[in-house]
Amino acid sequence: MPVESQSAQSIAALRSALLRWYAAHARSLPWRAPPGTNARPDAYRVWLSEVMLQQTTVAAVTPYFERFTRRWPTLSDFAAAESADILAAWAGLGYYSRARNLVACARQVVDEHGGMFPASEAALRQLPGIGDYTAAAIAAIAFGEAAVPVDANVERVIARLYAIDEPLPGARKAIGQAARELWPADGAAGDFAQAMMDLGSSICTNRAPACLTCPLVRQCRAACSGAAESIPVKPAKRPRPVRHGEARWIERNGDVWLIRRPEKGMLGGMRALPGGEWLDHAETPPAPDGTLGVVRHLFTHFELNLRVVRGEAFSDAVGEGEWWPISRLDEAGLPTLYRRAAEIAVEERP
């Protein structure tokens, strides 16, 4: 369904109101430059933060970002780092393919672009792990290009401003069209993008939006009709399938046997407790069972029940792996799933 355009006067008023609000209320984030200045944040920091923020909250990302940039202050430092060190530092942030793509992207930028991110949205999209949104965000925020990054917060703000009530994901074409109409092309694209993100995060929230305090309430068609909270219309959630797996705690002289998962696939390249394939059905536990506990973990597309069992040190410690001191497990960079499994096993140690 075609979306009715805003008038030129309304668009001008909206841009002005939003940028004034952002100047007064912008979040202070370690990857940003202050609003309204000519300073541009380092593209390395923008890229790193945007990848970290994919499907992850600002609160969760901020300490990771600060640790990463202390350890690897420049793109060249990051590109020269060992992949295993980056994966270990990423542990707990989830969606580990992002970390692998970060490594590949940094090395490609160094090898093919002299260590400098390209400024154009099209060139950025050619780099590993950079999709349409991330390319637009880097181009707009780091280079001031007239790019239009639409994340979940921006999507919600635009859908309400234009009262786009077509269910997602079908509504995204109309939302993108409306966003392009609103976006400034005079170098303010970066501030405008971050202002939209902050507005969606703090005022135009998913539930109970604070419309009375919103600087755009007069231009917002959904607010004027009382329909703000019902937009955007989300599709019905599908139930997650349940899979089952096993993690073996194999201990010897104060050490535990850790493996490294295959590079491709879930949690690729990460250290983990050994175990078999994750199955769509639960295998019958052996007798005696030996189960220490069960970790229930939600992935994007399925739920995993991971049974933690005690293994025999010499018969089960097979294949490639390493003995890791139990007293230093917090340094192993275990992903959350296996960290929780290890915590269960440590609690059950005799």
C-alpha atoms as a PDB file:
ATOM      1  CA  MET A   1       0.000   0.000   0.000  1.00  0.00           C
ATOM      2  CA  PRO A   2       1.508   3.397  -0.981  1.00  0.00           C
ATOM      3  CA  VAL A   3       2.403   5.626   1.957  1.00  0.00           C
ATOM      4  CA  GLU A   4       1.173   9.215   1.957  1.00  0.00           C
ATOM      5  CA  SER A   5       4.148  11.555   1.912  1.00  0.00           C
ATOM      6  CA  GLN A   6       4.747  14.218   4.534  1.00  0.00           C
ATOM      7  CA  SER A   7       4.655  17.795   3.257  1.00  0.00           C
ATOM      8  CA  ALA A   8       7.928  19.628   2.676  1.00  0.00           C
ATOM      9  CA  GLN A   9       7.045  21.966   5.553  1.00  0.00           C
ATOM     10  CA  SER A  10       6.351  19.044   7.872  1.00  0.00           C
ATOM     11  CA  ILE A  11       9.609  17.337   6.918  1.00  0.00           C
ATOM     12  CA  ALA A  12      11.604  20.516   7.578  1.00  0.00           C
ATOM     13  CA  ALA A  13       9.918  20.972  10.957  1.00  0.00           C
ATOM     14  CA  LEU A  14      10.497  17.325  11.849  1.00  0.00           C
ATOM     15  CA  ARG A  15      14.201  17.435  10.998  1.00  0.00           C
ATOM     16  CA  SER A  16      14.706  20.642  12.957  1.00  0.00           C
ATOM     17  CA  ALA A  17      12.797  19.385  16.009  1.00  0.00           C
ATOM     18  CA  LEU A  18      14.589  16.051  16.086  1.00  0.00           C
ATOM     19  CA  LEU A  19      18.089  17.523  15.773  1.00  0.00           C
ATOM     20  CA  ARG A  20      17.335  20.097  18.515  1.00  0.00           C
ATOM     21  CA  TRP A  21      16.125  17.295  20.769  1.00  0.00           C
ATOM     22  CA  TYR A  22      19.236  15.223  19.977  1.00  0.00           C
ATOM     23  CA  ALA A  23      21.543  18.137  20.792  1.00  0.00           C
ATOM     24  CA  ALA A  24      20.012  18.262  24.268  1.00  0.00           C
ATOM     25  CA  HIS A  25      19.396  14.549  24.936  1.00  0.00           C
ATOM     26  CA  ALA A  26      21.953  12.512  22.959  1.00  0.00           C
ATOM     27  CA  ARG A  27      23.245   9.446  24.762  1.00  0.00           C
ATOM     28  CA  SER A  28      26.916   9.664  25.685  1.00  0.00           C
ATOM     29  CA  LEU A  29      28.380   6.543  24.072  1.00  0.00           C
ATOM     30  CA  PRO A  30      32.086   5.741  23.688  1.00  0.00           C
ATOM     31  CA  TRP A  31      31.848   5.275  19.911  1.00  0.00           C
ATOM     32  CA  ARG A  32      30.118   8.603  19.200  1.00  0.00           C
ATOM     33  CA  ALA A  33      31.177  12.167  18.459  1.00  0.00           C
ATOM     34  CA  PRO A  34      29.163  14.927  20.202  1.00  0.00           C
ATOM     35  CA  PRO A  35      26.092  16.031  18.224  1.00  0.00           C
ATOM     36  CA  GLY A  36      26.229  19.161  16.102  1.00  0.00           C
ATOM     37  CA  THR A  37      30.019  19.175  15.711  1.00  0.00           C
ATOM     38  CA  ASN A  38      32.063  18.790  12.564  1.00  0.00           C
ATOM     39  CA  ALA A  39      34.054  15.991  14.195  1.00  0.00           C
ATOM     40  CA  ARG A  40      33.505  12.533  12.767  1.00  0.00           C
ATOM     41  CA  PRO A  41      34.004   9.422  14.913  1.00  0.00           C
ATOM     42  CA  ASP A  42      36.679   6.975  13.834  1.00  0.00           C
ATOM     43  CA  ALA A  43      35.194   4.568  11.267  1.00  0.00           C
ATOM     44  CA  TYR A  44      36.882   1.667  13.106  1.00  0.00           C
ATOM     45  CA  ARG A  45      34.970   2.492  16.272  1.00  0.00           C
ATOM     46  CA  VAL A  46      31.694   2.996  14.409  1.00  0.00           C
ATOM     47  CA  TRP A  47      32.125  -0.329  12.578  1.00  0.00           C
ATOM     48  CA  LEU A  48      33.056  -2.213  15.749  1.00  0.00           C
ATOM     49  CA  SER A  49      30.132  -0.785  17.722  1.00  0.00           C
ATOM     50  CA  GLU A  50      27.590  -1.369  14.954  1.00  0.00           C
ATOM     51  CA  VAL A  51      28.574  -5.027  14.562  1.00  0.00           C
ATOM     52  CA  MET A  52      28.508  -5.533  18.334  1.00  0.00           C
ATOM     53  CA  LEU A  53      25.085  -3.885  18.553  1.00  0.00           C
ATOM     54  CA  GLN A  54      23.488  -6.289  16.081  1.00  0.00           C
ATOM     55  CA  GLN A  55      20.782  -8.062  18.116  1.00  0.00           C
ATOM     56  CA  THR A  56      22.462  -6.897  21.348  1.00  0.00           C
ATOM     57  CA  THR A  57      21.678  -4.023  23.722  1.00  0.00           C
ATOM     58  CA  VAL A  58      23.784  -0.924  24.294  1.00  0.00           C
ATOM     59  CA  ALA A  59      24.142  -1.858  27.978  1.00  0.00           C
ATOM     60  CA  ALA A  60      25.605  -5.269  27.075  1.00  0.00           C
ATOM     61  CA  VAL A  61      27.856  -3.932  24.317  1.00  0.00           C
ATOM     62  CA  THR A  62      29.449  -0.940  26.080  1.00  0.00           C
ATOM     63  CA  PRO A  63      31.867  -2.833  28.399  1.00  0.00           C
ATOM     64  CA  TYR A  64      32.892  -5.157  25.548  1.00  0.00           C
ATOM     65  CA  PHE A  65      33.520  -2.195  23.252  1.00  0.00           C
ATOM     66  CA  GLU A  66      35.665  -0.490  25.867  1.00  0.00           C
ATOM     67  CA  ARG A  67      37.706  -3.668  26.508  1.00  0.00           C
ATOM     68  CA  PHE A  68      38.196  -4.269  22.775  1.00  0.00           C
ATOM     69  CA  THR A  69      39.326  -0.718  22.026  1.00  0.00           C
ATOM     70  CA  ARG A  70      41.717  -0.691  24.985  1.00  0.00           C
ATOM     71  CA  ARG A  71      43.279  -3.931  23.796  1.00  0.00           C
ATOM     72  CA  TRP A  72      43.139  -3.161  20.064  1.00  0.00           C
ATOM     73  CA  PRO A  73      42.998   0.652  19.750  1.00  0.00           C
ATOM     74  CA  THR A  74      43.274   0.754  15.945  1.00  0.00           C
ATOM     75  CA  LEU A  75      42.027  -1.286  13.029  1.00  0.00           C
ATOM     76  CA  SER A  76      45.605  -2.355  12.273  1.00  0.00           C
ATOM     77  CA  ASP A  77      45.991  -3.669  15.831  1.00  0.00           C
ATOM     78  CA  PHE A  78      42.736  -5.578  15.483  1.00  0.00           C
ATOM     79  CA  ALA A  79      43.620  -7.048  12.081  1.00  0.00           C
ATOM     80  CA  ALA A  80      46.972  -8.278  13.429  1.00  0.00           C
ATOM     81  CA  ALA A  81      45.430 -10.021  16.460  1.00  0.00           C
ATOM     82  CA  GLU A  82      45.063 -13.774  16.741  1.00  0.00           C
ATOM     83  CA  SER A  83      41.548 -14.941  15.819  1.00  0.00           C
ATOM     84  CA  ALA A  84      41.439 -17.094  18.957  1.00  0.00           C
ATOM     85  CA  ASP A  85      42.144 -14.055  21.155  1.00  0.00           C
ATOM     86  CA  ILE A  86      39.317 -12.072  19.551  1.00  0.00           C
ATOM     87  CA  LEU A  87      36.890 -14.991  19.902  1.00  0.00           C
ATOM     88  CA  ALA A  88      37.859 -15.401  23.560  1.00  0.00           C
ATOM     89  CA  ALA A  89      37.378 -11.669  24.205  1.00  0.00           C
ATOM     90  CA  TRP A  90      33.964 -11.880  22.497  1.00  0.00           C
ATOM     91  CA  ALA A  91      32.773 -14.725  24.752  1.00  0.00           C
ATOM     92  CA  GLY A  92      29.421 -13.983  26.342  1.00  0.00           C
ATOM     93  CA  LEU A  93      28.307 -11.463  23.704  1.00  0.00           C
ATOM     94  CA  GLY A  94      26.619 -14.121  21.564  1.00  0.00           C
ATOM     95  CA  TYR A  95      26.096 -14.541  17.800  1.00  0.00           C
ATOM     96  CA  TYR A  96      29.716 -15.611  17.369  1.00  0.00           C
ATOM     97  CA  SER A  97      29.688 -15.438  13.570  1.00  0.00           C
ATOM     98  CA  ARG A  98      29.883 -11.669  14.110  1.00  0.00           C
ATOM     99  CA  ALA A  99      33.301 -12.040  15.731  1.00  0.00           C
ATOM    100  CA  ARG A 100      34.579 -14.240  12.903  1.00  0.00           C
ATOM    101  CA  ASN A 101      33.319 -11.710  10.362  1.00  0.00           C
ATOM    102  CA  LEU A 102      35.020  -8.895  12.283  1.00  0.00           C
ATOM    103  CA  VAL A 103      38.369 -10.640  11.887  1.00  0.00           C
ATOM    104  CA  ALA A 104      37.822 -11.273   8.169  1.00  0.00           C
ATOM    105  CA  CYS A 105      36.619  -7.716   7.576  1.00  0.00           C
ATOM    106  CA  ALA A 106      39.510  -6.048   9.413  1.00  0.00           C
ATOM    107  CA  ARG A 107      42.072  -8.078   7.475  1.00  0.00           C
ATOM    108  CA  GLN A 108      40.374  -7.327   4.154  1.00  0.00           C
ATOM    109  CA  VAL A 109      40.311  -3.590   4.889  1.00  0.00           C
ATOM    110  CA  VAL A 110      44.038  -3.703   5.677  1.00  0.00           C
ATOM    111  CA  ASP A 111      44.901  -5.848   2.654  1.00  0.00           C
ATOM    112  CA  GLU A 112      42.680  -4.205   0.044  1.00  0.00           C
ATOM    113  CA  HIS A 113      42.049  -0.657   1.328  1.00  0.00           C
ATOM    114  CA  GLY A 114      45.306   0.258   3.028  1.00  0.00           C
ATOM    115  CA  GLY A 115      43.768   0.006   6.493  1.00  0.00           C
ATOM    116  CA  MET A 116      41.126   2.679   5.778  1.00  0.00           C
ATOM    117  CA  PHE A 117      37.428   1.868   5.553  1.00  0.00           C
ATOM    118  CA  PRO A 118      35.896   2.918   2.226  1.00  0.00           C
ATOM    119  CA  ALA A 119      33.467   5.830   2.621  1.00  0.00           C
ATOM    120  CA  SER A 120      30.795   4.728   0.174  1.00  0.00           C
ATOM    121  CA  GLU A 121      27.844   2.604   1.207  1.00  0.00           C
ATOM    122  CA  ALA A 122      28.249   0.381  -1.865  1.00  0.00           C
ATOM    123  CA  ALA A 123      31.925  -0.358  -1.156  1.00  0.00           C
ATOM    124  CA  LEU A 124      31.242  -1.039   2.516  1.00  0.00           C
ATOM    125  CA  ARG A 125      28.633  -3.640   1.572  1.00  0.00           C
ATOM    126  CA  GLN A 126      31.347  -5.680  -0.148  1.00  0.00           C
ATOM    127  CA  LEU A 127      33.159  -6.310   3.153  1.00  0.00           C
ATOM    128  CA  PRO A 128      32.565  -9.459   5.262  1.00  0.00           C
ATOM    129  CA  GLY A 129      29.802  -9.152   7.852  1.00  0.00           C
ATOM    130  CA  ILE A 130      28.601  -5.744   6.607  1.00  0.00           C
ATOM    131  CA  GLY A 131      25.026  -5.771   5.325  1.00  0.00           C
ATOM    132  CA  ASP A 132      22.771  -2.991   4.126  1.00  0.00           C
ATOM    133  CA  TYR A 133      22.083  -1.477   7.555  1.00  0.00           C
ATOM    134  CA  THR A 134      25.676  -1.578   8.832  1.00  0.00           C
ATOM    135  CA  ALA A 135      27.033  -0.137   5.573  1.00  0.00           C
ATOM    136  CA  ALA A 136      24.545   2.726   5.744  1.00  0.00           C
ATOM    137  CA  ALA A 137      25.315   3.371   9.428  1.00  0.00           C
ATOM    138  CA  ILE A 138      29.085   3.565   8.861  1.00  0.00           C
ATOM    139  CA  ALA A 139      28.683   5.729   5.746  1.00  0.00           C
ATOM    140  CA  ALA A 140      26.330   8.161   7.508  1.00  0.00           C
ATOM    141  CA  ILE A 141      27.932   8.334  10.966  1.00  0.00           C
ATOM    142  CA  ALA A 142      31.633   8.061  10.139  1.00  0.00           C
ATOM    143  CA  PHE A 143      31.669   9.811   6.746  1.00  0.00           C
ATOM    144  CA  GLY A 144      28.588  12.054   6.681  1.00  0.00           C
ATOM    145  CA  GLU A 145      27.261  10.367   3.557  1.00  0.00           C
ATOM    146  CA  ALA A 146      23.543  10.700   2.739  1.00  0.00           C
ATOM    147  CA  ALA A 147      22.910   7.077   3.725  1.00  0.00           C
ATOM    148  CA  VAL A 148      19.777   5.863   5.513  1.00  0.00           C
ATOM    149  CA  PRO A 149      20.421   3.234   8.240  1.00  0.00           C
ATOM    150  CA  VAL A 150      17.151   1.713   9.439  1.00  0.00           C
ATOM    151  CA  ASP A 151      17.536  -0.428  12.571  1.00  0.00           C
ATOM    152  CA  ALA A 152      14.691  -1.680  14.783  1.00  0.00           C
ATOM    153  CA  ASN A 153      14.433   1.644  16.631  1.00  0.00           C
ATOM    154  CA  VAL A 154      14.353   3.706  13.440  1.00  0.00           C
ATOM    155  CA  GLU A 155      11.899   1.260  11.878  1.00  0.00           C
ATOM    156  CA  ARG A 156       9.506   1.764  14.790  1.00  0.00           C
ATOM    157  CA  VAL A 157       9.772   5.580  14.704  1.00  0.00           C
ATOM    158  CA  ILE A 158       9.185   5.753  10.937  1.00  0.00           C
ATOM    159  CA  ALA A 159       6.295   3.287  11.010  1.00  0.00           C
ATOM    160  CA  ARG A 160       4.540   5.432  13.647  1.00  0.00           C
ATOM    161  CA  LEU A 161       5.288   8.764  12.000  1.00  0.00           C
ATOM    162  CA  TYR A 162       3.630   7.513   8.803  1.00  0.00           C
ATOM    163  CA  ALA A 163       1.089   5.196  10.499  1.00  0.00           C
ATOM    164  CA  ILE A 164       2.294   2.242   8.425  1.00  0.00           C
ATOM    165  CA  ASP A 165       0.062  -0.558   9.677  1.00  0.00           C
ATOM    166  CA  GLU A 166       1.030  -3.297   7.233  1.00  0.00           C
ATOM    167  CA  PRO A 167       2.500  -6.225   9.225  1.00  0.00           C
ATOM    168  CA  LEU A 168       6.260  -6.762   9.295  1.00  0.00           C
ATOM    169  CA  PRO A 169       8.296  -7.826   7.445  1.00  0.00           C
ATOM    170  CA  GLY A 170       6.118  -6.754   4.501  1.00  0.00           C
ATOM    171  CA  ALA A 171       6.018  -3.171   5.804  1.00  0.00           C
ATOM    172  CA  ARG A 172       9.782  -2.713   5.471  1.00  0.00           C
ATOM    173  CA  LYS A 173       9.647  -1.542   1.861  1.00  0.00           C
ATOM    174  CA  ALA A 174       7.236   1.274   2.765  1.00  0.00           C
ATOM    175  CA  ILE A 175       9.249   2.123   5.903  1.00  0.00           C
ATOM    176  CA  GLY A 176      12.440   2.384   3.837  1.00  0.00           C
ATOM    177  CA  GLN A 177      10.701   4.621   1.303  1.00  0.00           C
ATOM    178  CA  ALA A 178       9.406   6.903   4.063  1.00  0.00           C
ATOM    179  CA  ALA A 179      12.829   7.021   5.757  1.00  0.00           C
ATOM    180  CA  ARG A 180      14.499   8.131   2.525  1.00  0.00           C
ATOM    181  CA  GLU A 181      11.961  10.953   2.249  1.00  0.00           C
ATOM    182  CA  LEU A 182      12.782  12.212   5.747  1.00  0.00           C
ATOM    183  CA  TRP A 183      16.573  11.836   5.742  1.00  0.00           C
ATOM    184  CA  PRO A 184      18.646  15.010   5.288  1.00  0.00           C
ATOM    185  CA  ALA A 185      21.276  15.005   2.560  1.00  0.00           C
ATOM    186  CA  ASP A 186      23.293  17.996   3.784  1.00  0.00           C
ATOM    187  CA  GLY A 187      25.869  16.237   5.953  1.00  0.00           C
ATOM    188  CA  ALA A 188      23.535  15.840   8.933  1.00  0.00           C
ATOM    189  CA  ALA A 189      22.695  12.233   8.036  1.00  0.00           C
ATOM    190  CA  GLY A 190      24.851  10.828  10.847  1.00  0.00           C
ATOM    191  CA  ASP A 191      23.363  12.981  13.591  1.00  0.00           C
ATOM    192  CA  PHE A 192      19.872  12.403  12.189  1.00  0.00           C
ATOM    193  CA  ALA A 193      20.385   8.624  12.215  1.00  0.00           C
ATOM    194  CA  GLN A 194      21.654   8.607  15.795  1.00  0.00           C
ATOM    195  CA  ALA A 195      18.863  10.952  16.868  1.00  0.00           C
ATOM    196  CA  MET A 196      16.301   8.539  15.405  1.00  0.00           C
ATOM    197  CA  MET A 197      17.979   5.643  17.223  1.00  0.00           C
ATOM    198  CA  ASP A 198      17.987   7.515  20.541  1.00  0.00           C
ATOM    199  CA  LEU A 199      14.373   8.596  20.117  1.00  0.00           C
ATOM    200  CA  GLY A 200      13.301   4.992  19.501  1.00  0.00           C
ATOM    201  CA  SER A 201      15.340   3.776  22.457  1.00  0.00           C
ATOM    202  CA  SER A 202      14.178   6.334  25.026  1.00  0.00           C
ATOM    203  CA  ILE A 203      10.769   7.724  23.974  1.00  0.00           C
ATOM    204  CA  CYS A 204       9.267   5.902  20.995  1.00  0.00           C
ATOM    205  CA  THR A 205       9.658   2.581  22.769  1.00  0.00           C
ATOM    206  CA  ASN A 206       8.105  -0.723  21.803  1.00  0.00           C
ATOM    207  CA  ARG A 207       5.680  -0.661  24.737  1.00  0.00           C
ATOM    208  CA  ALA A 208       4.103   2.410  26.349  1.00  0.00           C
ATOM    209  CA  PRO A 209       5.735   5.046  24.124  1.00  0.00           C
ATOM    210  CA  ALA A 210       6.049   8.418  25.869  1.00  0.00           C
ATOM    211  CA  CYS A 211       4.249  10.335  23.120  1.00  0.00           C
ATOM    212  CA  LEU A 212       3.553  13.417  25.260  1.00  0.00           C
ATOM    213  CA  THR A 213       7.305  14.060  25.618  1.00  0.00           C
ATOM    214  CA  CYS A 214       8.187  13.264  21.998  1.00  0.00           C
ATOM    215  CA  PRO A 215       9.547  16.165  19.922  1.00  0.00           C
ATOM    216  CA  LEU A 216       7.800  14.731  16.828  1.00  0.00           C
ATOM    217  CA  VAL A 217       4.351  14.172  18.312  1.00  0.00           C
ATOM    218  CA  ARG A 218       2.708  16.808  16.116  1.00  0.00           C
ATOM    219  CA  GLN A 219       3.964  15.137  12.939  1.00  0.00           C
ATOM    220  CA  CYS A 220       3.262  11.584  14.136  1.00  0.00           C
ATOM    221  CA  ARG A 221       0.182  10.156  12.446  1.00  0.00           C
ATOM    222  CA  ALA A 222      -0.003   7.114  14.728  1.00  0.00           C
ATOM    223  CA  ALA A 223       0.139   9.272  17.870  1.00  0.00           C
ATOM    224  CA  CYS A 224      -2.541  11.606  16.513  1.00  0.00           C
ATOM    225  CA  SER A 225      -4.848   8.640  15.879  1.00  0.00           C
ATOM    226  CA  GLY A 226      -4.068   6.961  19.219  1.00  0.00           C
ATOM    227  CA  ALA A 227      -2.558   3.936  17.483  1.00  0.00           C
ATOM    228  CA  ALA A 228       1.122   4.388  18.375  1.00  0.00           C
ATOM    229  CA  GLU A 229       1.466   1.320  20.582  1.00  0.00           C
ATOM    230  CA  SER A 230      -0.085  -0.983  17.976  1.00  0.00           C
ATOM    231  CA  ILE A 231       2.429   0.043  15.276  1.00  0.00           C
ATOM    232  CA  PRO A 232       4.546  -1.490  13.828  1.00  0.00           C
ATOM    233  CA  VAL A 233       2.433  -4.616  13.444  1.00  0.00           C
ATOM    234  CA  LYS A 234       4.532  -7.672  14.199  1.00  0.00           C
ATOM    235  CA  PRO A 235       3.914 -11.155  12.800  1.00  0.00           C
ATOM    236  CA  ALA A 236       2.845 -13.933  15.151  1.00  0.00           C
ATOM    237  CA  LYS A 237       5.796 -15.672  16.790  1.00  0.00           C
ATOM    238  CA  ARG A 238       6.499 -19.219  15.727  1.00  0.00           C
ATOM    239  CA  PRO A 239       7.351 -21.703  18.483  1.00  0.00           C
ATOM    240  CA  ARG A 240      11.053 -22.529  18.696  1.00  0.00           C
ATOM    241  CA  PRO A 241      11.957 -26.167  18.067  1.00  0.00           C
ATOM    242  CA  VAL A 242      13.817 -27.893  20.910  1.00  0.00           C
ATOM    243  CA  ARG A 243      17.137 -29.663  20.367  1.00  0.00           C
ATOM    244  CA  HIS A 244      19.159 -31.771  22.781  1.00  0.00           C
ATOM    245  CA  GLY A 245      22.869 -32.160  23.409  1.00  0.00           C
ATOM    246  CA  GLU A 246      25.473 -33.241  25.923  1.00  0.00           C
ATOM    247  CA  ALA A 247      28.505 -31.587  27.499  1.00  0.00           C
ATOM    248  CA  ARG A 248      31.086 -33.801  29.229  1.00  0.00           C
ATOM    249  CA  TRP A 249      33.022 -32.555  32.241  1.00  0.00           C
ATOM    250  CA  ILE A 250      36.330 -34.428  32.063  1.00  0.00           C
ATOM    251  CA  GLU A 251      38.637 -33.549  34.951  1.00  0.00           C
ATOM    252  CA  ARG A 252      42.246 -34.490  35.744  1.00  0.00           C
ATOM    253  CA  ASN A 253      44.506 -33.073  38.447  1.00  0.00           C
ATOM    254  CA  GLY A 254      42.659 -29.774  38.702  1.00  0.00           C
ATOM    255  CA  ASP A 255      42.326 -29.339  34.926  1.00  0.00           C
ATOM    256  CA  VAL A 256      39.327 -29.801  32.623  1.00  0.00           C
ATOM    257  CA  TRP A 257      39.435 -31.042  29.023  1.00  0.00           C
ATOM    258  CA  LEU A 258      38.340 -28.373  26.538  1.00  0.00           C
ATOM    259  CA  ILE A 259      37.958 -28.694  22.800  1.00  0.00           C
ATOM    260  CA  ARG A 260      37.597 -26.057  20.093  1.00  0.00           C
ATOM    261  CA  ARG A 261      34.403 -26.253  18.067  1.00  0.00           C
ATOM    262  CA  PRO A 262      34.629 -26.468  14.246  1.00  0.00           C
ATOM    263  CA  GLU A 263      35.172 -23.128  12.524  1.00  0.00           C
ATOM    264  CA  LYS A 264      31.885 -23.386  10.648  1.00  0.00           C
ATOM    265  CA  GLY A 265      28.575 -23.780  12.451  1.00  0.00           C
ATOM    266  CA  MET A 266      27.171 -22.712  15.811  1.00  0.00           C
ATOM    267  CA  LEU A 267      29.765 -21.218  18.190  1.00  0.00           C
ATOM    268  CA  GLY A 268      32.403 -21.860  15.513  1.00  0.00           C
ATOM    269  CA  GLY A 269      36.012 -21.668  16.668  1.00  0.00           C
ATOM    270  CA  MET A 270      35.071 -21.264  20.335  1.00  0.00           C
ATOM    271  CA  ARG A 271      36.420 -23.319  23.212  1.00  0.00           C
ATOM    272  CA  ALA A 272      33.810 -25.695  24.628  1.00  0.00           C
ATOM    273  CA  LEU A 273      33.238 -28.819  26.690  1.00  0.00           C
ATOM    274  CA  PRO A 274      33.274 -31.931  24.504  1.00  0.00           C
ATOM    275  CA  GLY A 275      30.022 -33.586  23.494  1.00  0.00           C
ATOM    276  CA  GLY A 276      28.173 -35.066  20.560  1.00  0.00           C
ATOM    277  CA  GLU A 277      25.914 -33.540  17.936  1.00  0.00           C
ATOM    278  CA  TRP A 278      22.860 -31.546  18.941  1.00  0.00           C
ATOM    279  CA  LEU A 279      19.838 -33.657  18.052  1.00  0.00           C
ATOM    280  CA  ASP A 280      16.132 -33.047  17.500  1.00  0.00           C
ATOM    281  CA  HIS A 281      15.358 -35.773  20.049  1.00  0.00           C
ATOM    282  CA  ALA A 282      16.782 -36.600  23.445  1.00  0.00           C
ATOM    283  CA  GLU A 283      18.950 -39.696  23.652  1.00  0.00           C
ATOM    284  CA  THR A 284      18.265 -42.137  26.481  1.00  0.00           C
ATOM    285  CA  PRO A 285      20.797 -41.383  29.249  1.00  0.00           C
ATOM    286  CA  PRO A 286      23.165 -44.219  30.123  1.00  0.00           C
ATOM    287  CA  ALA A 287      22.801 -46.064  33.431  1.00  0.00           C
ATOM    288  CA  PRO A 288      24.068 -44.911  35.832  1.00  0.00           C
ATOM    289  CA  ASP A 289      23.064 -41.537  34.414  1.00  0.00           C
ATOM    290  CA  GLY A 290      25.901 -39.307  35.696  1.00  0.00           C
ATOM    291  CA  THR A 291      23.938 -36.162  34.872  1.00  0.00           C
ATOM    292  CA  LEU A 292      25.134 -33.117  36.826  1.00  0.00           C
ATOM    293  CA  GLY A 293      22.492 -30.734  35.497  1.00  0.00           C
ATOM    294  CA  VAL A 294      20.875 -29.307  32.369  1.00  0.00           C
ATOM    295  CA  VAL A 295      21.457 -25.938  30.693  1.00  0.00           C
ATOM    296  CA  ARG A 296      18.508 -24.531  28.747  1.00  0.00           C
ATOM    297  CA  HIS A 297      19.725 -21.985  26.219  1.00  0.00           C
ATOM    298  CA  LEU A 298      17.818 -19.957  23.638  1.00  0.00           C
ATOM    299  CA  PHE A 299      19.359 -19.481  20.214  1.00  0.00           C
ATOM    300  CA  THR A 300      17.662 -17.373  17.558  1.00  0.00           C
ATOM    301  CA  HIS A 301      15.924 -20.270  15.846  1.00  0.00           C
ATOM    302  CA  PHE A 302      15.810 -23.038  18.451  1.00  0.00           C
ATOM    303  CA  GLU A 303      16.066 -23.901  22.125  1.00  0.00           C
ATOM    304  CA  LEU A 304      18.822 -26.233  23.317  1.00  0.00           C
ATOM    305  CA  ASN A 305      18.698 -28.524  26.335  1.00  0.00           C
ATOM    306  CA  LEU A 306      22.332 -29.320  27.104  1.00  0.00           C
ATOM    307  CA  ARG A 307      22.810 -32.174  29.574  1.00  0.00           C
ATOM    308  CA  VAL A 308      26.006 -31.833  31.641  1.00  0.00           C
ATOM    309  CA  VAL A 309      27.553 -35.199  32.502  1.00  0.00           C
ATOM    310  CA  ARG A 310      30.733 -36.303  34.225  1.00  0.00           C
ATOM    311  CA  GLY A 311      33.155 -38.079  31.890  1.00  0.00           C
ATOM    312  CA  GLU A 312      36.115 -40.358  32.544  1.00  0.00           C
ATOM    313  CA  ALA A 313      39.388 -38.476  32.280  1.00  0.00           C
ATOM    314  CA  PHE A 314      41.381 -40.905  30.155  1.00  0.00           C
ATOM    315  CA  SER A 315      38.725 -42.662  28.108  1.00  0.00           C
ATOM    316  CA  ASP A 316      36.735 -39.550  27.111  1.00  0.00           C
ATOM    317  CA  ALA A 317      39.518 -36.987  26.525  1.00  0.00           C
ATOM    318  CA  VAL A 318      40.003 -37.857  22.862  1.00  0.00           C
ATOM    319  CA  GLY A 319      40.630 -35.773  19.745  1.00  0.00           C
ATOM    320  CA  GLU A 320      42.117 -32.302  19.616  1.00  0.00           C
ATOM    321  CA  GLY A 321      41.837 -30.308  22.811  1.00  0.00           C
ATOM    322  CA  GLU A 322      43.713 -28.987  25.812  1.00  0.00           C
ATOM    323  CA  TRP A 323      43.773 -29.398  29.564  1.00  0.00           C
ATOM    324  CA  TRP A 324      42.729 -26.092  31.080  1.00  0.00           C
ATOM    325  CA  PRO A 325      43.172 -25.157  34.771  1.00  0.00           C
ATOM    326  CA  ILE A 326      39.775 -25.124  36.465  1.00  0.00           C
ATOM    327  CA  SER A 327      40.960 -22.226  38.632  1.00  0.00           C
ATOM    328  CA  ARG A 328      41.389 -20.138  35.431  1.00  0.00           C
ATOM    329  CA  LEU A 329      38.206 -21.107  33.585  1.00  0.00           C
ATOM    330  CA  ASP A 330      37.126 -17.472  33.446  1.00  0.00           C
ATOM    331  CA  GLU A 331      40.106 -16.879  31.099  1.00  0.00           C
ATOM    332  CA  ALA A 332      39.111 -19.625  28.644  1.00  0.00           C
ATOM    333  CA  GLY A 333      36.635 -17.458  26.734  1.00  0.00           C
ATOM    334  CA  LEU A 334      33.850 -20.026  26.947  1.00  0.00           C
ATOM    335  CA  PRO A 335      30.608 -18.935  25.264  1.00  0.00           C
ATOM    336  CA  THR A 336      27.681 -18.459  27.631  1.00  0.00           C
ATOM    337  CA  LEU A 337      26.216 -21.919  26.958  1.00  0.00           C
ATOM    338  CA  TYR A 338      29.387 -23.745  28.020  1.00  0.00           C
ATOM    339  CA  ARG A 339      30.239 -21.301  30.778  1.00  0.00           C
ATOM    340  CA  ARG A 340      26.910 -22.128  32.406  1.00  0.00           C
ATOM    341  CA  ALA A 341      27.560 -25.854  31.899  1.00  0.00           C
ATOM    342  CA  ALA A 342      30.983 -25.493  33.531  1.00  0.00           C
ATOM    343  CA  GLU A 343      29.458 -23.614  36.474  1.00  0.00           C
ATOM    344  CA  ILE A 344      27.087 -26.529  37.073  1.00  0.00           C
ATOM    345  CA  ALA A 345      29.956 -29.013  36.974  1.00  0.00           C
ATOM    346  CA  VAL A 346      32.149 -26.969  39.303  1.00  0.00           C
ATOM    347  CA  GLU A 347      29.320 -26.727  41.822  1.00  0.00           C
ATOM    348  CA  GLU A 348      28.937 -30.515  41.727  1.00  0.00           C
ATOM    349  CA  ARG A 349      32.641 -31.330  42.164  1.00  0.00           C
ATOM    350  CA  PRO A 350      33.307 -33.675  45.078  1.00  0.00           C
END
